Amino acid sequence: MKGPLFYSKILLFGEYGIIKDSKGLSIPYNFYNGALKVDEHPSEEALKSNESLRRFAAYLEDLQSESTDLVSFQLELMKEDINRGMYFDSSIPQGYGVGSSGALVAAIYDKYANNKITVLENLTREKLLQLKTIFSHMESFFHGKSSGLDPLNSYLSIPILINSKDNIEATGIPSQSTEGKGAVFLLDSGIVGETAPMVNIFMENLKDQGFRKMLKTQFVKYTDACVENFLGGDMPSLFSNTKMLSRIVLNNFKPMIPEQFHGIWQKGIDTNDYYLKLCGSGGGGYILGFTQDLEKAKISLKDYKLEVVYQF
């Protein structure tokens, strides 16, 4: 048995901001993927994943009995498959901000949900919100609190524009140009990040009036501008707003940036060779970079591994 592939995702803009109703833009990232599988001779990794799926099935059983009108699953079939050794075979790095649990949630919903909403039907805003709500409850098993966006992106494999908590839509993004000098890239911090502790720090900071004011007047403002610039293909404005956003994050989200990256973060702002921002909740994993000149950024960051996500 081998199920369909579900891809990783990248939240280009909106990390933390979408908790406070900023815009967000999430795109599928096909470099990494995962699928449900059963093997004759499972590896240690596969056995670990199988055990985790067993706990997840028990969680889904509770979820189904508590929220009968939300979603129902073919739980007996899922348990049979788990007893046969089913696991999630994934190349998506965990704790890297690219949606490893999101792809797993999407795969389970796709295989076992009853009356599932599919990508082939007319995806009205109501249906997207319903899917997001279902996925939010499912993914909470892994993170404590989930927006449901990662599984949504992975399940539909299309870019998603978040206008606010209750207003999301499928969107198109400007087409890539491999000839272009501009790029969005990933920088590997070499550290595994954990979502829950980072979100806890953010929630704690929200109790501070100054932090809340900065979020509203600066962070959300520039996040929204970046989303609009990117979708509108206005690259000069995109880079000046990303620079502002990079500076705001460095000044106000230091705990989410691994310490050894504070210097190169500042260097990007000073030289304009590249601008860095958080990819997911931070604390490790990938850091997202934007540059108007990919070759220049590569020279400037020669000690680091860059993975190009999007070129324009």
C-alpha atoms as a PDB file:
ATOM      1  CA  MET A   1       0.000   0.000   0.000  1.00  0.00           C
ATOM      2  CA  LYS A   2       1.143   3.541  -0.792  1.00  0.00           C
ATOM      3  CA  GLY A   3      -1.100   6.589  -0.611  1.00  0.00           C
ATOM      4  CA  PRO A   4      -0.950   9.827  -2.647  1.00  0.00           C
ATOM      5  CA  LEU A   5       1.774  12.386  -1.939  1.00  0.00           C
ATOM      6  CA  PHE A   6       1.151  15.437   0.224  1.00  0.00           C
ATOM      7  CA  TYR A   7       3.576  18.333   0.019  1.00  0.00           C
ATOM      8  CA  SER A   8       5.248  20.668   2.473  1.00  0.00           C
ATOM      9  CA  LYS A   9       4.238  24.322   2.608  1.00  0.00           C
ATOM     10  CA  ILE A  10       5.826  27.704   3.142  1.00  0.00           C
ATOM     11  CA  LEU A  11       4.052  30.597   4.806  1.00  0.00           C
ATOM     12  CA  LEU A  12       5.666  33.447   2.876  1.00  0.00           C
ATOM     13  CA  PHE A  13       4.044  36.121   5.027  1.00  0.00           C
ATOM     14  CA  GLY A  14       1.862  36.094   8.113  1.00  0.00           C
ATOM     15  CA  GLU A  15       3.712  34.080  10.778  1.00  0.00           C
ATOM     16  CA  TYR A  16       2.365  35.229  14.181  1.00  0.00           C
ATOM     17  CA  GLY A  17       0.508  38.088  12.452  1.00  0.00           C
ATOM     18  CA  ILE A  18      -2.361  35.830  11.406  1.00  0.00           C
ATOM     19  CA  ILE A  19      -3.035  35.160  15.087  1.00  0.00           C
ATOM     20  CA  LYS A  20      -3.854  38.896  15.265  1.00  0.00           C
ATOM     21  CA  ASP A  21      -5.704  39.030  11.920  1.00  0.00           C
ATOM     22  CA  SER A  22      -2.952  40.180   9.587  1.00  0.00           C
ATOM     23  CA  LYS A  23      -2.978  38.949   6.019  1.00  0.00           C
ATOM     24  CA  GLY A  24      -1.020  35.814   5.180  1.00  0.00           C
ATOM     25  CA  LEU A  25       0.141  33.983   2.087  1.00  0.00           C
ATOM     26  CA  SER A  26       0.911  30.280   2.103  1.00  0.00           C
ATOM     27  CA  ILE A  27       2.282  28.337  -0.874  1.00  0.00           C
ATOM     28  CA  PRO A  28       2.891  24.607  -1.454  1.00  0.00           C
ATOM     29  CA  TYR A  29       6.560  23.618  -1.570  1.00  0.00           C
ATOM     30  CA  ASN A  30       6.924  20.456  -3.659  1.00  0.00           C
ATOM     31  CA  PHE A  31      10.541  19.789  -2.734  1.00  0.00           C
ATOM     32  CA  TYR A  32       9.398  17.792   0.327  1.00  0.00           C
ATOM     33  CA  ASN A  33       6.482  15.391   0.576  1.00  0.00           C
ATOM     34  CA  GLY A  34       5.006  12.494   2.512  1.00  0.00           C
ATOM     35  CA  ALA A  35       2.626   9.561   1.974  1.00  0.00           C
ATOM     36  CA  LEU A  36       0.929   6.843   4.038  1.00  0.00           C
ATOM     37  CA  LYS A  37       2.605   3.471   3.520  1.00  0.00           C
ATOM     38  CA  VAL A  38       2.761  -0.126   4.696  1.00  0.00           C
ATOM     39  CA  ASP A  39       6.095  -1.999   4.383  1.00  0.00           C
ATOM     40  CA  GLU A  40       7.001  -5.647   4.839  1.00  0.00           C
ATOM     41  CA  HIS A  41      10.100  -4.733   6.842  1.00  0.00           C
ATOM     42  CA  PRO A  42       9.520  -1.412   8.622  1.00  0.00           C
ATOM     43  CA  SER A  43      12.482   0.688   9.785  1.00  0.00           C
ATOM     44  CA  GLU A  44      12.808   2.064  13.307  1.00  0.00           C
ATOM     45  CA  GLU A  45      11.540   5.427  11.983  1.00  0.00           C
ATOM     46  CA  ALA A  46       8.471   3.698  10.482  1.00  0.00           C
ATOM     47  CA  LEU A  47       7.711   1.950  13.783  1.00  0.00           C
ATOM     48  CA  LYS A  48       7.899   5.290  15.617  1.00  0.00           C
ATOM     49  CA  SER A  49       5.549   6.862  13.096  1.00  0.00           C
ATOM     50  CA  ASN A  50       3.159   3.895  13.399  1.00  0.00           C
ATOM     51  CA  GLU A  51       3.044   4.362  17.187  1.00  0.00           C
ATOM     52  CA  SER A  52       2.326   8.069  16.733  1.00  0.00           C
ATOM     53  CA  LEU A  53      -0.515   7.234  14.283  1.00  0.00           C
ATOM     54  CA  ARG A  54      -1.990   4.904  16.900  1.00  0.00           C
ATOM     55  CA  ARG A  55      -2.149   7.786  19.399  1.00  0.00           C
ATOM     56  CA  PHE A  56      -3.504  10.080  16.678  1.00  0.00           C
ATOM     57  CA  ALA A  57      -6.310   7.587  15.906  1.00  0.00           C
ATOM     58  CA  ALA A  58      -7.323   7.581  19.592  1.00  0.00           C
ATOM     59  CA  TYR A  59      -7.326  11.405  19.541  1.00  0.00           C
ATOM     60  CA  LEU A  60      -9.516  11.436  16.397  1.00  0.00           C
ATOM     61  CA  GLU A  61     -11.948   9.051  18.080  1.00  0.00           C
ATOM     62  CA  ASP A  62     -12.343  11.524  20.962  1.00  0.00           C
ATOM     63  CA  LEU A  63     -12.631  14.436  18.529  1.00  0.00           C
ATOM     64  CA  GLN A  64     -15.362  12.647  16.589  1.00  0.00           C
ATOM     65  CA  SER A  65     -17.414  11.870  19.693  1.00  0.00           C
ATOM     66  CA  GLU A  66     -17.071  15.461  20.998  1.00  0.00           C
ATOM     67  CA  SER A  67     -17.800  17.194  17.667  1.00  0.00           C
ATOM     68  CA  THR A  68     -20.229  14.921  15.849  1.00  0.00           C
ATOM     69  CA  ASP A  69     -21.229  17.620  13.355  1.00  0.00           C
ATOM     70  CA  LEU A  70     -17.618  18.623  12.548  1.00  0.00           C
ATOM     71  CA  VAL A  71     -16.115  15.504  10.958  1.00  0.00           C
ATOM     72  CA  SER A  72     -16.354  11.710  11.061  1.00  0.00           C
ATOM     73  CA  PHE A  73     -13.748   9.122  10.071  1.00  0.00           C
ATOM     74  CA  GLN A  74     -13.641   5.478   9.040  1.00  0.00           C
ATOM     75  CA  LEU A  75     -11.877   4.750  12.305  1.00  0.00           C
ATOM     76  CA  GLU A  76     -12.148   0.954  12.144  1.00  0.00           C
ATOM     77  CA  LEU A  77     -10.436   0.940   8.747  1.00  0.00           C
ATOM     78  CA  MET A  78      -7.752   3.318  10.046  1.00  0.00           C
ATOM     79  CA  LYS A  79      -7.095   1.085  13.077  1.00  0.00           C
ATOM     80  CA  GLU A  80      -6.868  -2.014  10.849  1.00  0.00           C
ATOM     81  CA  ASP A  81      -4.300  -0.244   8.653  1.00  0.00           C
ATOM     82  CA  ILE A  82      -2.332   0.860  11.725  1.00  0.00           C
ATOM     83  CA  ASN A  83      -2.345  -2.732  13.018  1.00  0.00           C
ATOM     84  CA  ARG A  84      -0.955  -3.771   9.619  1.00  0.00           C
ATOM     85  CA  GLY A  85       1.966  -1.388  10.251  1.00  0.00           C
ATOM     86  CA  MET A  86       0.885   1.755   8.392  1.00  0.00           C
ATOM     87  CA  TYR A  87       3.173   4.769   8.884  1.00  0.00           C
ATOM     88  CA  PHE A  88       3.742   8.193   7.335  1.00  0.00           C
ATOM     89  CA  ASP A  89       6.771   8.052   5.054  1.00  0.00           C
ATOM     90  CA  SER A  90       7.964  11.640   4.819  1.00  0.00           C
ATOM     91  CA  SER A  91      10.940  13.621   3.547  1.00  0.00           C
ATOM     92  CA  ILE A  92       9.561  16.770   5.244  1.00  0.00           C
ATOM     93  CA  PRO A  93      11.952  17.814   8.038  1.00  0.00           C
ATOM     94  CA  GLN A  94      10.226  18.068  11.413  1.00  0.00           C
ATOM     95  CA  GLY A  95      10.504  21.296  13.401  1.00  0.00           C
ATOM     96  CA  TYR A  96      11.598  23.263  10.319  1.00  0.00           C
ATOM     97  CA  GLY A  97       8.489  25.374   9.736  1.00  0.00           C
ATOM     98  CA  VAL A  98       7.540  23.681   6.464  1.00  0.00           C
ATOM     99  CA  GLY A  99       4.475  21.770   7.652  1.00  0.00           C
ATOM    100  CA  SER A 100       5.466  18.188   8.485  1.00  0.00           C
ATOM    101  CA  SER A 101       2.406  17.564  10.681  1.00  0.00           C
ATOM    102  CA  GLY A 102       0.221  19.436   8.163  1.00  0.00           C
ATOM    103  CA  ALA A 103       1.011  16.928   5.413  1.00  0.00           C
ATOM    104  CA  LEU A 104       0.243  14.013   7.742  1.00  0.00           C
ATOM    105  CA  VAL A 105      -3.112  15.528   8.761  1.00  0.00           C
ATOM    106  CA  ALA A 106      -3.977  16.095   5.076  1.00  0.00           C
ATOM    107  CA  ALA A 107      -3.110  12.462   4.224  1.00  0.00           C
ATOM    108  CA  ILE A 108      -5.277  11.059   7.059  1.00  0.00           C
ATOM    109  CA  TYR A 109      -8.244  13.293   6.173  1.00  0.00           C
ATOM    110  CA  ASP A 110      -7.926  12.338   2.503  1.00  0.00           C
ATOM    111  CA  LYS A 111      -7.903   8.598   3.229  1.00  0.00           C
ATOM    112  CA  TYR A 112     -10.323   8.227   6.138  1.00  0.00           C
ATOM    113  CA  ALA A 113     -12.740  11.179   6.371  1.00  0.00           C
ATOM    114  CA  ASN A 114     -16.377  10.561   5.521  1.00  0.00           C
ATOM    115  CA  ASN A 115     -18.104  13.058   3.148  1.00  0.00           C
ATOM    116  CA  LYS A 116     -14.806  14.802   2.564  1.00  0.00           C
ATOM    117  CA  ILE A 117     -14.538  18.104   0.725  1.00  0.00           C
ATOM    118  CA  THR A 118     -12.335  17.599  -2.337  1.00  0.00           C
ATOM    119  CA  VAL A 119     -10.154  19.893  -4.403  1.00  0.00           C
ATOM    120  CA  LEU A 120     -12.271  19.042  -7.462  1.00  0.00           C
ATOM    121  CA  GLU A 121     -15.427  20.743  -6.222  1.00  0.00           C
ATOM    122  CA  ASN A 122     -16.219  24.427  -6.252  1.00  0.00           C
ATOM    123  CA  LEU A 123     -14.176  25.620  -3.268  1.00  0.00           C
ATOM    124  CA  THR A 124     -16.391  28.335  -1.838  1.00  0.00           C
ATOM    125  CA  ARG A 125     -15.156  30.426   1.082  1.00  0.00           C
ATOM    126  CA  GLU A 126     -17.499  28.427   3.359  1.00  0.00           C
ATOM    127  CA  LYS A 127     -15.963  25.126   2.267  1.00  0.00           C
ATOM    128  CA  LEU A 128     -12.421  26.446   2.735  1.00  0.00           C
ATOM    129  CA  LEU A 129     -13.301  27.665   6.235  1.00  0.00           C
ATOM    130  CA  GLN A 130     -14.961  24.361   7.074  1.00  0.00           C
ATOM    131  CA  LEU A 131     -11.828  22.475   5.967  1.00  0.00           C
ATOM    132  CA  LYS A 132      -9.601  24.880   7.902  1.00  0.00           C
ATOM    133  CA  THR A 133     -11.703  24.312  11.060  1.00  0.00           C
ATOM    134  CA  ILE A 134     -11.545  20.523  10.696  1.00  0.00           C
ATOM    135  CA  PHE A 135      -7.778  20.640  10.111  1.00  0.00           C
ATOM    136  CA  SER A 136      -7.272  23.025  13.019  1.00  0.00           C
ATOM    137  CA  HIS A 137      -8.899  20.497  15.381  1.00  0.00           C
ATOM    138  CA  MET A 138      -6.991  17.581  13.879  1.00  0.00           C
ATOM    139  CA  GLU A 139      -3.572  19.269  13.954  1.00  0.00           C
ATOM    140  CA  SER A 140      -4.027  20.442  17.554  1.00  0.00           C
ATOM    141  CA  PHE A 141      -2.957  16.904  18.479  1.00  0.00           C
ATOM    142  CA  PHE A 142       0.588  17.869  17.409  1.00  0.00           C
ATOM    143  CA  HIS A 143       0.875  21.538  18.389  1.00  0.00           C
ATOM    144  CA  GLY A 144      -1.584  22.287  21.169  1.00  0.00           C
ATOM    145  CA  LYS A 145      -3.087  25.072  19.055  1.00  0.00           C
ATOM    146  CA  SER A 146      -3.220  25.089  15.275  1.00  0.00           C
ATOM    147  CA  SER A 147      -4.681  27.469  12.709  1.00  0.00           C
ATOM    148  CA  GLY A 148      -5.316  24.548  10.329  1.00  0.00           C
ATOM    149  CA  LEU A 149      -3.565  26.383   7.490  1.00  0.00           C
ATOM    150  CA  ASP A 150      -0.655  23.972   6.983  1.00  0.00           C
ATOM    151  CA  PRO A 151      -2.885  20.920   6.382  1.00  0.00           C
ATOM    152  CA  LEU A 152      -5.189  23.042   4.208  1.00  0.00           C
ATOM    153  CA  ASN A 153      -2.297  24.055   1.996  1.00  0.00           C
ATOM    154  CA  SER A 154      -0.948  20.532   1.824  1.00  0.00           C
ATOM    155  CA  TYR A 155      -4.371  19.012   1.108  1.00  0.00           C
ATOM    156  CA  LEU A 156      -5.328  21.408  -1.679  1.00  0.00           C
ATOM    157  CA  SER A 157      -1.785  22.026  -2.982  1.00  0.00           C
ATOM    158  CA  ILE A 158      -2.659  25.560  -4.088  1.00  0.00           C
ATOM    159  CA  PRO A 159      -1.559  28.984  -2.789  1.00  0.00           C
ATOM    160  CA  ILE A 160      -3.876  30.309  -0.092  1.00  0.00           C
ATOM    161  CA  LEU A 161      -4.468  33.949   0.724  1.00  0.00           C
ATOM    162  CA  ILE A 162      -5.503  34.673   4.309  1.00  0.00           C
ATOM    163  CA  ASN A 163      -7.356  37.989   4.494  1.00  0.00           C
ATOM    164  CA  SER A 164      -8.364  37.462   8.136  1.00  0.00           C
ATOM    165  CA  LYS A 165      -9.256  34.550  10.426  1.00  0.00           C
ATOM    166  CA  ASP A 166     -12.646  34.047   8.786  1.00  0.00           C
ATOM    167  CA  ASN A 167     -11.774  35.103   5.263  1.00  0.00           C
ATOM    168  CA  ILE A 168      -9.504  32.855   3.224  1.00  0.00           C
ATOM    169  CA  GLU A 169      -9.378  32.147  -0.492  1.00  0.00           C
ATOM    170  CA  ALA A 170      -7.424  30.191  -3.068  1.00  0.00           C
ATOM    171  CA  THR A 171      -5.209  32.556  -5.033  1.00  0.00           C
ATOM    172  CA  GLY A 172      -2.794  32.687  -7.947  1.00  0.00           C
ATOM    173  CA  ILE A 173       0.757  33.957  -7.506  1.00  0.00           C
ATOM    174  CA  PRO A 174       2.931  35.647 -10.167  1.00  0.00           C
ATOM    175  CA  SER A 175       4.567  33.019 -12.360  1.00  0.00           C
ATOM    176  CA  GLN A 176       8.183  32.130 -11.677  1.00  0.00           C
ATOM    177  CA  SER A 177      11.026  33.171 -13.914  1.00  0.00           C
ATOM    178  CA  THR A 178      14.173  31.044 -13.671  1.00  0.00           C
ATOM    179  CA  GLU A 179      15.972  33.804 -15.573  1.00  0.00           C
ATOM    180  CA  GLY A 180      15.084  36.341 -12.864  1.00  0.00           C
ATOM    181  CA  LYS A 181      17.714  37.638 -10.422  1.00  0.00           C
ATOM    182  CA  GLY A 182      15.236  37.988  -7.538  1.00  0.00           C
ATOM    183  CA  ALA A 183      14.484  35.011  -5.300  1.00  0.00           C
ATOM    184  CA  VAL A 184      12.865  33.702  -2.159  1.00  0.00           C
ATOM    185  CA  PHE A 185      15.122  31.153  -0.456  1.00  0.00           C
ATOM    186  CA  LEU A 186      15.381  28.987   2.644  1.00  0.00           C
ATOM    187  CA  LEU A 187      18.371  29.133   4.957  1.00  0.00           C
ATOM    188  CA  ASP A 188      18.990  26.068   7.117  1.00  0.00           C
ATOM    189  CA  SER A 189      19.653  27.050  10.739  1.00  0.00           C
ATOM    190  CA  GLY A 190      20.749  23.496  11.527  1.00  0.00           C
ATOM    191  CA  ILE A 191      18.597  23.574  14.672  1.00  0.00           C
ATOM    192  CA  VAL A 192      15.237  21.863  15.162  1.00  0.00           C
ATOM    193  CA  GLY A 193      12.597  24.364  16.269  1.00  0.00           C
ATOM    194  CA  GLU A 194       9.616  23.542  18.459  1.00  0.00           C
ATOM    195  CA  THR A 195       6.356  25.342  17.737  1.00  0.00           C
ATOM    196  CA  ALA A 196       4.651  25.220  21.152  1.00  0.00           C
ATOM    197  CA  PRO A 197       7.372  27.039  23.216  1.00  0.00           C
ATOM    198  CA  MET A 198       7.664  29.784  20.579  1.00  0.00           C
ATOM    199  CA  VAL A 199       3.903  30.333  20.466  1.00  0.00           C
ATOM    200  CA  ASN A 200       3.910  30.468  24.287  1.00  0.00           C
ATOM    201  CA  ILE A 201       6.550  33.253  24.239  1.00  0.00           C
ATOM    202  CA  PHE A 202       4.442  35.154  21.703  1.00  0.00           C
ATOM    203  CA  MET A 203       1.256  34.760  23.794  1.00  0.00           C
ATOM    204  CA  GLU A 204       3.158  35.945  26.877  1.00  0.00           C
ATOM    205  CA  ASN A 205       4.430  39.008  24.954  1.00  0.00           C
ATOM    206  CA  LEU A 206       0.863  39.838  23.934  1.00  0.00           C
ATOM    207  CA  LYS A 207       0.144  40.720  27.573  1.00  0.00           C
ATOM    208  CA  ASP A 208       2.462  43.701  27.105  1.00  0.00           C
ATOM    209  CA  GLN A 209       0.726  46.818  25.799  1.00  0.00           C
ATOM    210  CA  GLY A 210       3.810  48.070  23.921  1.00  0.00           C
ATOM    211  CA  PHE A 211       4.195  44.737  22.119  1.00  0.00           C
ATOM    212  CA  ARG A 212       0.502  44.741  21.120  1.00  0.00           C
ATOM    213  CA  LYS A 213       0.842  48.280  19.779  1.00  0.00           C
ATOM    214  CA  MET A 214       3.968  47.348  17.757  1.00  0.00           C
ATOM    215  CA  LEU A 215       2.098  44.368  16.290  1.00  0.00           C
ATOM    216  CA  LYS A 216      -0.832  46.469  15.168  1.00  0.00           C
ATOM    217  CA  THR A 217       0.958  49.602  13.920  1.00  0.00           C
ATOM    218  CA  GLN A 218       4.087  47.978  12.458  1.00  0.00           C
ATOM    219  CA  PHE A 219       4.147  44.195  12.124  1.00  0.00           C
ATOM    220  CA  VAL A 220       0.640  43.704  10.723  1.00  0.00           C
ATOM    221  CA  LYS A 221       0.910  46.846   8.579  1.00  0.00           C
ATOM    222  CA  TYR A 222       4.087  45.699   6.788  1.00  0.00           C
ATOM    223  CA  THR A 223       2.951  42.053   6.580  1.00  0.00           C
ATOM    224  CA  ASP A 224      -0.234  43.144   4.803  1.00  0.00           C
ATOM    225  CA  ALA A 225       1.756  45.406   2.459  1.00  0.00           C
ATOM    226  CA  CYS A 226       4.173  42.571   1.579  1.00  0.00           C
ATOM    227  CA  VAL A 227       1.293  40.207   0.708  1.00  0.00           C
ATOM    228  CA  GLU A 228      -0.309  42.848  -1.534  1.00  0.00           C
ATOM    229  CA  ASN A 229       3.039  43.703  -3.211  1.00  0.00           C
ATOM    230  CA  PHE A 230       3.878  40.046  -3.854  1.00  0.00           C
ATOM    231  CA  LEU A 231       0.472  39.171  -5.330  1.00  0.00           C
ATOM    232  CA  GLY A 232       0.471  42.353  -7.399  1.00  0.00           C
ATOM    233  CA  GLY A 233       3.986  41.666  -8.712  1.00  0.00           C
ATOM    234  CA  ASP A 234       5.218  45.023  -7.355  1.00  0.00           C
ATOM    235  CA  MET A 235       8.772  43.913  -6.565  1.00  0.00           C
ATOM    236  CA  PRO A 236      10.363  47.313  -5.696  1.00  0.00           C
ATOM    237  CA  SER A 237       7.695  47.913  -2.998  1.00  0.00           C
ATOM    238  CA  LEU A 238       7.920  44.279  -1.884  1.00  0.00           C
ATOM    239  CA  PHE A 239      11.623  44.650  -1.096  1.00  0.00           C
ATOM    240  CA  SER A 240      11.325  47.948   0.758  1.00  0.00           C
ATOM    241  CA  ASN A 241       8.454  46.543   2.872  1.00  0.00           C
ATOM    242  CA  THR A 242      10.277  43.225   3.466  1.00  0.00           C
ATOM    243  CA  LYS A 243      13.285  45.216   4.709  1.00  0.00           C
ATOM    244  CA  MET A 244      11.027  47.017   7.230  1.00  0.00           C
ATOM    245  CA  LEU A 245       9.489  43.697   8.275  1.00  0.00           C
ATOM    246  CA  SER A 246      12.921  42.093   8.695  1.00  0.00           C
ATOM    247  CA  ARG A 247      14.007  44.946  10.993  1.00  0.00           C
ATOM    248  CA  ILE A 248      10.766  44.778  13.058  1.00  0.00           C
ATOM    249  CA  VAL A 249      11.212  41.009  13.546  1.00  0.00           C
ATOM    250  CA  LEU A 250      14.860  41.391  14.604  1.00  0.00           C
ATOM    251  CA  ASN A 251      13.935  44.082  17.133  1.00  0.00           C
ATOM    252  CA  ASN A 252      10.822  42.428  18.576  1.00  0.00           C
ATOM    253  CA  PHE A 253      11.046  38.664  18.003  1.00  0.00           C
ATOM    254  CA  LYS A 254      14.639  37.983  19.118  1.00  0.00           C
ATOM    255  CA  PRO A 255      13.812  34.776  21.084  1.00  0.00           C
ATOM    256  CA  MET A 256      12.420  33.259  17.851  1.00  0.00           C
ATOM    257  CA  ILE A 257      15.702  33.883  15.987  1.00  0.00           C
ATOM    258  CA  PRO A 258      18.592  31.522  16.887  1.00  0.00           C
ATOM    259  CA  GLU A 259      21.289  33.688  18.483  1.00  0.00           C
ATOM    260  CA  GLN A 260      23.998  32.874  15.952  1.00  0.00           C
ATOM    261  CA  PHE A 261      21.781  34.355  13.210  1.00  0.00           C
ATOM    262  CA  HIS A 262      21.261  37.801  14.802  1.00  0.00           C
ATOM    263  CA  GLY A 263      24.440  39.073  13.109  1.00  0.00           C
ATOM    264  CA  ILE A 264      23.711  37.880   9.570  1.00  0.00           C
ATOM    265  CA  TRP A 265      20.113  39.080   9.954  1.00  0.00           C
ATOM    266  CA  GLN A 266      21.422  42.597  10.657  1.00  0.00           C
ATOM    267  CA  LYS A 267      24.022  42.268   7.864  1.00  0.00           C
ATOM    268  CA  GLY A 268      21.258  41.727   5.301  1.00  0.00           C
ATOM    269  CA  ILE A 269      19.473  44.904   6.426  1.00  0.00           C
ATOM    270  CA  ASP A 270      22.737  46.908   6.366  1.00  0.00           C
ATOM    271  CA  THR A 271      23.979  45.704   2.952  1.00  0.00           C
ATOM    272  CA  ASN A 272      20.599  45.199   1.192  1.00  0.00           C
ATOM    273  CA  ASP A 273      22.020  41.936  -0.226  1.00  0.00           C
ATOM    274  CA  TYR A 274      19.088  39.995   1.273  1.00  0.00           C
ATOM    275  CA  TYR A 275      16.401  40.332   3.969  1.00  0.00           C
ATOM    276  CA  LEU A 276      15.581  37.543   6.416  1.00  0.00           C
ATOM    277  CA  LYS A 277      12.305  36.689   8.127  1.00  0.00           C
ATOM    278  CA  LEU A 278      10.848  33.859  10.177  1.00  0.00           C
ATOM    279  CA  CYS A 279       9.649  30.718   8.442  1.00  0.00           C
ATOM    280  CA  GLY A 280       6.883  29.333  10.648  1.00  0.00           C
ATOM    281  CA  SER A 281       7.219  29.863  14.391  1.00  0.00           C
ATOM    282  CA  GLY A 282      11.030  30.180  14.417  1.00  0.00           C
ATOM    283  CA  GLY A 283      13.343  29.021  17.189  1.00  0.00           C
ATOM    284  CA  GLY A 284      15.288  27.004  14.614  1.00  0.00           C
ATOM    285  CA  GLY A 285      14.380  25.170  11.433  1.00  0.00           C
ATOM    286  CA  TYR A 286      14.440  27.247   8.281  1.00  0.00           C
ATOM    287  CA  ILE A 287      14.793  31.005   8.001  1.00  0.00           C
ATOM    288  CA  LEU A 288      13.169  32.612   4.970  1.00  0.00           C
ATOM    289  CA  GLY A 289      15.192  34.989   2.800  1.00  0.00           C
ATOM    290  CA  PHE A 290      14.280  37.497   0.082  1.00  0.00           C
ATOM    291  CA  THR A 291      16.816  38.924  -2.340  1.00  0.00           C
ATOM    292  CA  GLN A 292      16.813  41.108  -5.433  1.00  0.00           C
ATOM    293  CA  ASP A 293      20.075  39.531  -6.560  1.00  0.00           C
ATOM    294  CA  LEU A 294      20.466  35.830  -5.848  1.00  0.00           C
ATOM    295  CA  GLU A 295      24.162  35.705  -6.816  1.00  0.00           C
ATOM    296  CA  LYS A 296      24.962  38.558  -4.434  1.00  0.00           C
ATOM    297  CA  ALA A 297      23.044  36.853  -1.620  1.00  0.00           C
ATOM    298  CA  LYS A 298      24.898  33.574  -2.248  1.00  0.00           C
ATOM    299  CA  ILE A 299      28.268  35.349  -1.946  1.00  0.00           C
ATOM    300  CA  SER A 300      27.145  37.218   1.170  1.00  0.00           C
ATOM    301  CA  LEU A 301      25.868  33.979   2.769  1.00  0.00           C
ATOM    302  CA  LYS A 302      28.612  31.715   1.416  1.00  0.00           C
ATOM    303  CA  ASP A 303      28.922  29.805   4.715  1.00  0.00           C
ATOM    304  CA  TYR A 304      25.268  28.725   4.582  1.00  0.00           C
ATOM    305  CA  LYS A 305      23.204  26.397   2.453  1.00  0.00           C
ATOM    306  CA  LEU A 306      20.552  28.250   0.430  1.00  0.00           C
ATOM    307  CA  GLU A 307      17.551  26.438  -1.025  1.00  0.00           C
ATOM    308  CA  VAL A 308      15.746  28.479  -3.684  1.00  0.00           C
ATOM    309  CA  VAL A 309      11.964  28.341  -3.323  1.00  0.00           C
ATOM    310  CA  TYR A 310      10.817  30.850  -5.910  1.00  0.00           C
ATOM    311  CA  GLN A 311      12.530  33.003  -8.556  1.00  0.00           C
ATOM    312  CA  PHE A 312      11.321  36.180 -10.198  1.00  0.00           C
END
